[in-house]
Amino acid sequence: ERPNACGECGKRFAQRSHLAQHLRTHTGERPYKCGDCGKAFGWSSNLAQHRRTHTGERPYACAECGKAFSQSTNLVKHQRAHAGERPYACGQCRKAFYRSSDLLQHQASHSGERPYRCGQCGKSFAQRANLLKHGKTHGGEKPFRCGECGKGFVQSSELIQHQRSHSGEKPFACAECGKRFGHGATLAKHRRLHLGLQPHRCGECGRAFGLRSALARHQRAHGEERPFACGECGQAFALRSNLALHRRTHAGERPYRCGECGKAFGMSSTLVRHQRIHTGEKPYGCGECGRAFVRSAHLEQHRRTHTGERPYAPGGARRFSQSSNLITHERVH
């Protein structure tokens, strides 16, 4: 029940306090003022976030690399880089991004739009960041210098990437096969193997893979080959990485903590999925009907309602669109 209605637009709210906050969007009232700079806000939460720009406070830390952020939403976006998750895909070329803003900038490359023009030479760019980078080439400025070898860079991000060549750090992991990379761009190229053509199909369950080696790893799950055994309980796994994750259940290790509610997880990918409860984000949208989902697996199941695909078959002739329906069917028999 939402008994509190806005007289301006008709939107309804369960609580009177929520209606009072909403009314500020119509009146323009900004009662929460920053004592440092005088900037005013309509909501106290926005003022609290803004204050961190003065204090430098960054309470939301990435469990994977330690990088900290002032807002939980920025942490969620950052964690996609580690998980290899890029939910925002271009409809033109299928290139994927982990931020919607990056997708919008990329789409300008297809439209030919170049709204950012250099005042010195007239060259125009599709992205503002590229214009800023270009501007430094006129001054020959390379302010970011590597302490290891002395090489200079136009942007701090280029220096950070370069320093990984000295440290050997590979923070970007592919969620599909576990392979790690030093640069996000290299991971993006690698992921096209998984996202694009998938000619290697499992004869057991119908799942397809871009790499033959990935299919071979997957097929161990159907066969007897599980060479990596847990010393605690004897459970065996097809992949060494799965054994490492399993061992955390014995150790009780949960290194990935949600900055919003404090809940901890054994895997970074599980934390990323959990954080969508707080953000309400549903990044996997159906191209047919527009319905959106929190997990890619749920979108895959949903798509079968449009295609009629039924990949799961028991010993008999009847087939099912979801493995859970096959399991239920087999229990009856």
Protein backbone atom coordinates (compact mmCIF):
# COMPACT_ATOMS: atom_id res chain seq x y z
CA GLU A 1 0.00 0.00 0.00
CA ARG A 2 1.26 3.47 -0.99
CA PRO A 3 -1.22 5.97 0.55
CA ASN A 4 0.95 9.11 0.16
CA ALA A 5 0.48 10.64 -3.31
CA CYS A 6 2.41 13.53 -4.87
CA GLY A 7 0.05 16.37 -5.88
CA GLU A 8 2.40 17.37 -8.74
CA CYS A 9 2.94 14.11 -10.63
CA GLY A 10 0.77 11.49 -8.90
CA LYS A 11 3.67 9.25 -7.83
CA ARG A 12 2.81 7.35 -4.64
CA PHE A 13 4.90 6.44 -1.59
CA ALA A 14 4.53 4.08 1.36
CA GLN A 15 5.92 6.62 3.84
CA ARG A 16 5.17 10.33 4.28
CA SER A 17 8.90 11.07 4.76
CA HIS A 18 9.65 9.58 1.31
CA LEU A 19 6.96 11.82 -0.22
CA ALA A 20 8.52 14.84 1.52
CA GLN A 21 11.92 13.98 0.00
CA HIS A 22 10.36 13.45 -3.45
CA LEU A 23 8.61 16.86 -3.37
CA ARG A 24 12.04 18.51 -3.36
CA THR A 25 12.51 17.36 -6.97
CA HIS A 26 9.56 19.65 -7.88
CA THR A 27 10.31 22.60 -5.54
CA GLY A 28 14.10 22.58 -6.04
CA GLU A 29 14.56 22.83 -2.27
CA ARG A 30 18.09 21.93 -1.10
CA PRO A 31 18.10 22.07 2.72
CA TYR A 32 21.40 20.21 3.28
CA LYS A 33 24.35 22.62 2.95
CA CYS A 34 28.06 21.79 3.01
CA GLY A 35 29.87 23.77 5.72
CA ASP A 36 33.13 23.72 3.73
CA CYS A 37 32.08 25.10 0.34
CA GLY A 38 28.40 26.05 0.68
CA LYS A 39 27.13 23.62 -1.95
CA ALA A 40 23.56 22.49 -1.13
CA PHE A 41 21.75 19.18 -1.66
CA GLY A 42 18.20 17.85 -1.58
CA TRP A 43 19.13 14.71 0.36
CA SER A 44 21.34 14.20 3.41
CA SER A 45 22.89 11.10 1.79
CA ASN A 46 24.11 13.23 -1.15
CA LEU A 47 25.66 15.72 1.28
CA ALA A 48 27.41 12.85 3.12
CA GLN A 49 28.88 11.62 -0.19
CA HIS A 50 29.94 15.15 -1.17
CA ARG A 51 31.73 15.75 2.15
CA ARG A 52 34.13 12.93 1.29
CA THR A 53 35.57 15.15 -1.47
CA HIS A 54 36.79 17.49 1.32
CA THR A 55 37.85 14.85 3.86
CA GLY A 56 39.36 12.44 1.31
CA GLU A 57 37.51 9.58 3.01
CA ARG A 58 37.21 6.42 0.86
CA PRO A 59 35.35 3.83 2.98
CA TYR A 60 34.62 1.33 0.18
CA ALA A 61 37.76 -0.77 -0.44
CA CYS A 62 38.23 -3.46 -3.09
CA ALA A 63 39.09 -6.79 -1.44
CA GLU A 64 40.93 -7.86 -4.60
CA CYS A 65 43.49 -5.04 -4.98
CA GLY A 66 42.90 -2.66 -2.05
CA LYS A 67 41.85 0.35 -4.15
CA ALA A 68 39.35 2.48 -2.19
CA PHE A 69 36.36 4.57 -3.30
CA SER A 70 34.15 7.25 -1.79
CA GLN A 71 30.94 5.66 -3.15
CA SER A 72 29.79 2.02 -3.11
CA THR A 73 28.53 2.29 -6.72
CA ASN A 74 32.07 3.16 -7.91
CA LEU A 75 33.41 0.10 -6.07
CA VAL A 76 30.84 -2.12 -7.83
CA LYS A 77 31.91 -0.76 -11.23
CA HIS A 78 35.59 -1.24 -10.37
CA GLN A 79 35.08 -4.86 -9.25
CA ARG A 80 33.79 -5.77 -12.70
CA ALA A 81 37.34 -5.22 -13.97
CA HIS A 82 38.59 -8.02 -11.70
CA ALA A 83 35.66 -10.33 -12.43
CA GLY A 84 36.10 -9.77 -16.17
CA GLU A 85 32.43 -8.85 -16.27
CA ARG A 86 31.41 -6.42 -19.03
CA PRO A 87 27.59 -6.33 -19.02
CA TYR A 88 27.15 -3.36 -21.39
CA ALA A 89 27.50 -4.66 -24.97
CA CYS A 90 27.45 -2.62 -28.19
CA GLY A 91 24.64 -3.72 -30.51
CA GLN A 92 26.75 -2.82 -33.56
CA CYS A 93 29.99 -4.75 -32.95
CA ARG A 94 29.37 -6.69 -29.69
CA LYS A 95 32.32 -5.02 -27.94
CA ALA A 96 31.49 -5.05 -24.21
CA PHE A 97 32.16 -2.61 -21.37
CA TYR A 98 31.83 -2.72 -17.59
CA ARG A 99 30.44 0.86 -17.38
CA SER A 100 27.40 2.17 -19.26
CA SER A 101 29.19 5.53 -19.75
CA ASP A 102 32.03 3.74 -21.61
CA LEU A 103 29.47 2.09 -23.91
CA LEU A 104 27.87 5.47 -24.72
CA GLN A 105 31.28 6.93 -25.58
CA HIS A 106 32.11 3.89 -27.74
CA GLN A 107 28.83 4.12 -29.66
CA ALA A 108 29.90 7.55 -30.93
CA SER A 109 32.61 5.74 -32.94
CA HIS A 110 29.84 4.05 -35.00
CA SER A 111 27.75 7.19 -35.50
CA GLY A 112 30.82 9.16 -36.62
CA GLU A 113 30.00 11.91 -34.12
CA ARG A 114 33.11 13.80 -32.89
CA PRO A 115 31.87 16.64 -30.68
CA TYR A 116 35.19 17.35 -28.88
CA ARG A 117 37.43 19.67 -30.96
CA CYS A 118 41.01 20.73 -30.20
CA GLY A 119 41.30 24.54 -30.04
CA GLN A 120 44.94 24.43 -31.22
CA CYS A 121 44.83 22.26 -34.35
CA GLY A 122 41.12 21.65 -35.00
CA LYS A 123 41.31 17.87 -34.67
CA SER A 124 38.06 16.43 -33.26
CA PHE A 125 37.39 13.40 -31.07
CA ALA A 126 34.46 11.17 -30.11
CA GLN A 127 35.49 11.17 -26.44
CA ARG A 128 36.45 14.05 -24.13
CA ALA A 129 39.17 11.92 -22.50
CA ASN A 130 40.87 11.49 -25.90
CA LEU A 131 40.78 15.26 -26.49
CA LEU A 132 42.46 15.87 -23.09
CA LYS A 133 45.11 13.25 -23.89
CA HIS A 134 45.69 14.82 -27.33
CA GLY A 135 46.02 18.31 -25.80
CA LYS A 136 49.11 17.21 -23.86
CA THR A 137 50.87 16.27 -27.12
CA HIS A 138 50.98 19.96 -28.14
CA GLY A 139 52.91 20.86 -25.00
CA GLY A 140 55.01 17.67 -25.12
CA GLU A 141 53.97 17.20 -21.50
CA LYS A 142 54.54 13.74 -19.93
CA PRO A 143 54.10 14.42 -16.22
CA PHE A 144 53.71 10.80 -15.06
CA ARG A 145 57.15 9.17 -14.78
CA CYS A 146 58.06 5.57 -13.90
CA GLY A 147 60.34 5.38 -10.84
CA GLU A 148 61.76 2.07 -12.08
CA CYS A 149 62.98 3.00 -15.59
CA GLY A 150 62.30 6.74 -15.95
CA LYS A 151 59.87 6.44 -18.86
CA GLY A 152 57.29 9.28 -19.00
CA PHE A 153 53.57 9.10 -19.81
CA VAL A 154 50.80 11.53 -20.74
CA GLN A 155 48.22 9.88 -18.44
CA SER A 156 48.47 8.33 -14.95
CA SER A 157 46.50 5.29 -16.19
CA GLU A 158 49.24 4.64 -18.80
CA LEU A 159 51.89 4.78 -16.08
CA ILE A 160 49.92 2.32 -13.90
CA GLN A 161 49.63 -0.11 -16.83
CA HIS A 162 53.34 0.26 -17.62
CA GLN A 163 54.38 -0.42 -13.99
CA ARG A 164 52.74 -3.86 -14.22
CA SER A 165 55.46 -4.82 -16.72
CA HIS A 166 57.94 -4.40 -13.84
CA SER A 167 55.84 -5.95 -11.05
CA GLY A 168 54.31 -8.80 -13.08
CA GLU A 169 50.90 -7.94 -11.57
CA LYS A 170 47.91 -9.36 -13.46
CA PRO A 171 44.75 -7.98 -11.79
CA PHE A 172 42.28 -8.72 -14.61
CA ALA A 173 40.88 -12.27 -14.47
CA CYS A 174 38.61 -13.88 -17.08
CA ALA A 175 35.46 -15.18 -15.37
CA GLU A 176 35.09 -17.90 -18.01
CA CYS A 177 38.47 -19.68 -17.82
CA GLY A 178 40.40 -17.99 -14.98
CA LYS A 179 43.26 -16.70 -17.18
CA ARG A 180 44.75 -13.43 -15.84
CA PHE A 181 46.01 -10.34 -17.67
CA GLY A 182 47.97 -7.19 -16.86
CA HIS A 183 45.73 -4.89 -18.92
CA GLY A 184 41.94 -4.61 -19.11
CA ALA A 185 42.16 -4.19 -22.90
CA THR A 186 43.98 -7.54 -23.24
CA LEU A 187 41.29 -9.23 -21.16
CA ALA A 188 38.60 -7.65 -23.37
CA LYS A 189 40.27 -9.13 -26.50
CA HIS A 190 40.56 -12.52 -24.81
CA ARG A 191 36.90 -12.51 -23.76
CA ARG A 192 35.82 -12.25 -27.41
CA LEU A 193 36.81 -15.90 -27.70
CA HIS A 194 34.13 -16.67 -25.13
CA LEU A 195 31.53 -14.11 -26.23
CA GLY A 196 31.88 -14.56 -29.98
CA LEU A 197 32.04 -17.72 -32.08
CA GLN A 198 31.72 -20.86 -29.93
CA PRO A 199 32.33 -23.82 -32.24
CA HIS A 200 33.31 -26.36 -29.57
CA ARG A 201 30.08 -27.89 -28.24
CA CYS A 202 29.75 -30.42 -25.43
CA GLY A 203 27.98 -33.57 -26.66
CA GLU A 204 26.75 -34.27 -23.14
CA CYS A 205 24.85 -31.08 -22.27
CA GLY A 206 25.04 -28.89 -25.40
CA ARG A 207 27.07 -26.08 -23.81
CA ALA A 208 29.39 -24.34 -26.32
CA PHE A 209 32.89 -22.89 -25.93
CA GLY A 210 35.16 -20.60 -27.92
CA LEU A 211 38.30 -22.59 -27.04
CA ARG A 212 38.90 -26.33 -27.40
CA SER A 213 40.85 -26.30 -24.13
CA ALA A 214 37.85 -24.74 -22.33
CA LEU A 215 35.61 -27.53 -23.67
CA ALA A 216 38.12 -30.15 -22.47
CA ARG A 217 38.10 -28.63 -18.96
CA HIS A 218 34.29 -28.55 -18.96
CA GLN A 219 33.98 -32.18 -20.11
CA ARG A 220 35.83 -33.37 -17.01
CA ALA A 221 32.72 -32.38 -15.05
CA HIS A 222 30.71 -35.01 -16.99
CA GLY A 223 33.40 -37.71 -17.04
CA GLU A 224 35.39 -39.39 -14.29
CA GLU A 225 38.46 -37.17 -14.61
CA ARG A 226 38.67 -34.98 -11.49
CA PRO A 227 42.39 -34.92 -10.67
CA PHE A 228 42.34 -32.21 -7.97
CA ALA A 229 41.20 -33.70 -4.62
CA CYS A 230 40.60 -31.88 -1.32
CA GLY A 231 42.84 -33.19 1.49
CA GLU A 232 40.15 -32.38 4.09
CA CYS A 233 37.08 -34.16 2.73
CA GLY A 234 38.22 -35.98 -0.40
CA GLN A 235 35.91 -34.10 -2.79
CA ALA A 236 37.52 -33.93 -6.24
CA PHE A 237 37.44 -31.19 -8.87
CA ALA A 238 38.16 -30.89 -12.57
CA LEU A 239 39.98 -27.55 -12.12
CA ARG A 240 42.70 -26.55 -9.63
CA SER A 241 41.04 -23.13 -9.26
CA ASN A 242 37.76 -24.78 -8.15
CA LEU A 243 39.66 -26.76 -5.50
CA ALA A 244 41.23 -23.52 -4.21
CA LEU A 245 37.76 -21.94 -3.91
CA HIS A 246 36.38 -25.08 -2.20
CA ARG A 247 39.14 -25.03 0.45
CA ARG A 248 37.74 -21.74 1.72
CA THR A 249 34.64 -23.62 2.94
CA HIS A 250 36.89 -25.55 5.36
CA ALA A 251 38.96 -22.53 6.39
CA GLY A 252 35.87 -20.33 6.73
CA GLU A 253 37.75 -17.76 4.66
CA ARG A 254 35.54 -14.99 3.20
CA PRO A 255 37.91 -12.28 1.98
CA TYR A 256 35.41 -10.33 -0.16
CA ARG A 257 33.26 -8.01 1.98
CA CYS A 258 30.32 -5.83 0.93
CA GLY A 259 30.96 -2.20 1.81
CA GLU A 260 27.22 -1.55 2.03
CA CYS A 261 26.06 -4.19 4.56
CA GLY A 262 29.24 -5.98 5.69
CA LYS A 263 28.28 -9.44 4.38
CA ALA A 264 31.37 -11.44 3.33
CA PHE A 265 31.91 -13.95 0.52
CA GLY A 266 34.45 -16.54 -0.55
CA MET A 267 34.51 -15.39 -4.19
CA SER A 268 34.73 -11.89 -5.70
CA SER A 269 32.16 -12.81 -8.38
CA THR A 270 29.62 -13.70 -5.64
CA LEU A 271 30.22 -10.30 -4.01
CA VAL A 272 29.62 -8.50 -7.34
CA ARG A 273 26.30 -10.38 -7.78
CA HIS A 274 25.29 -9.64 -4.16
CA GLN A 275 25.92 -5.91 -4.53
CA ARG A 276 23.22 -5.73 -7.20
CA ILE A 277 20.71 -6.23 -4.34
CA HIS A 278 21.79 -2.80 -3.05
CA THR A 279 22.07 -1.06 -6.43
CA GLY A 280 19.00 -2.70 -8.02
CA GLU A 281 21.12 -3.22 -11.13
CA LYS A 282 19.93 -5.81 -13.68
CA PRO A 283 22.61 -5.61 -16.40
CA TYR A 284 21.54 -8.56 -18.55
CA GLY A 285 18.65 -7.46 -20.79
CA CYS A 286 16.67 -9.59 -23.23
CA GLY A 287 16.85 -8.24 -26.78
CA GLU A 288 13.43 -9.72 -27.60
CA CYS A 289 11.20 -8.36 -24.83
CA GLY A 290 13.40 -6.03 -22.75
CA ARG A 291 13.10 -8.01 -19.52
CA ALA A 292 16.29 -7.68 -17.41
CA PHE A 293 18.09 -10.04 -15.06
CA VAL A 294 20.73 -9.92 -12.32
CA ARG A 295 22.62 -12.97 -13.66
CA SER A 296 23.62 -13.93 -17.19
CA ALA A 297 22.53 -17.54 -16.49
CA HIS A 298 18.98 -16.34 -15.76
CA LEU A 299 18.93 -14.40 -19.06
CA GLU A 300 20.12 -17.54 -20.89
CA GLN A 301 17.27 -19.57 -19.35
CA HIS A 302 14.75 -16.83 -20.19
CA ARG A 303 15.84 -16.62 -23.85
CA ARG A 304 14.75 -20.23 -24.32
CA THR A 305 11.14 -19.09 -23.81
CA HIS A 306 11.58 -17.15 -27.09
CA THR A 307 13.68 -19.67 -29.04
CA GLY A 308 11.93 -22.84 -27.81
CA GLU A 309 15.35 -24.46 -27.29
CA ARG A 310 15.30 -27.52 -24.98
CA PRO A 311 18.92 -28.67 -24.51
CA TYR A 312 18.38 -30.99 -21.52
CA ALA A 313 17.28 -34.53 -22.37
CA PRO A 314 16.94 -37.64 -20.14
CA GLY A 315 17.26 -41.20 -21.42
CA GLY A 316 13.85 -40.87 -23.13
CA ALA A 317 12.77 -38.53 -25.90
CA ARG A 318 11.30 -35.69 -23.83
CA ARG A 319 13.46 -32.55 -23.61
CA PHE A 320 13.53 -29.57 -21.22
CA SER A 321 14.64 -25.92 -21.45
CA GLN A 322 16.10 -25.92 -17.90
CA SER A 323 18.24 -28.52 -16.12
CA SER A 324 16.11 -28.10 -12.94
CA ASN A 325 13.00 -29.22 -14.87
CA LEU A 326 14.89 -32.29 -16.11
CA ILE A 327 15.92 -33.17 -12.53
CA THR A 328 12.29 -32.79 -11.32
CA HIS A 329 11.07 -34.95 -14.22
CA GLU A 330 13.60 -37.71 -13.45
CA ARG A 331 12.49 -37.85 -9.79
CA VAL A 332 8.96 -38.72 -10.94
CA HIS A 333 10.35 -41.67 -12.88
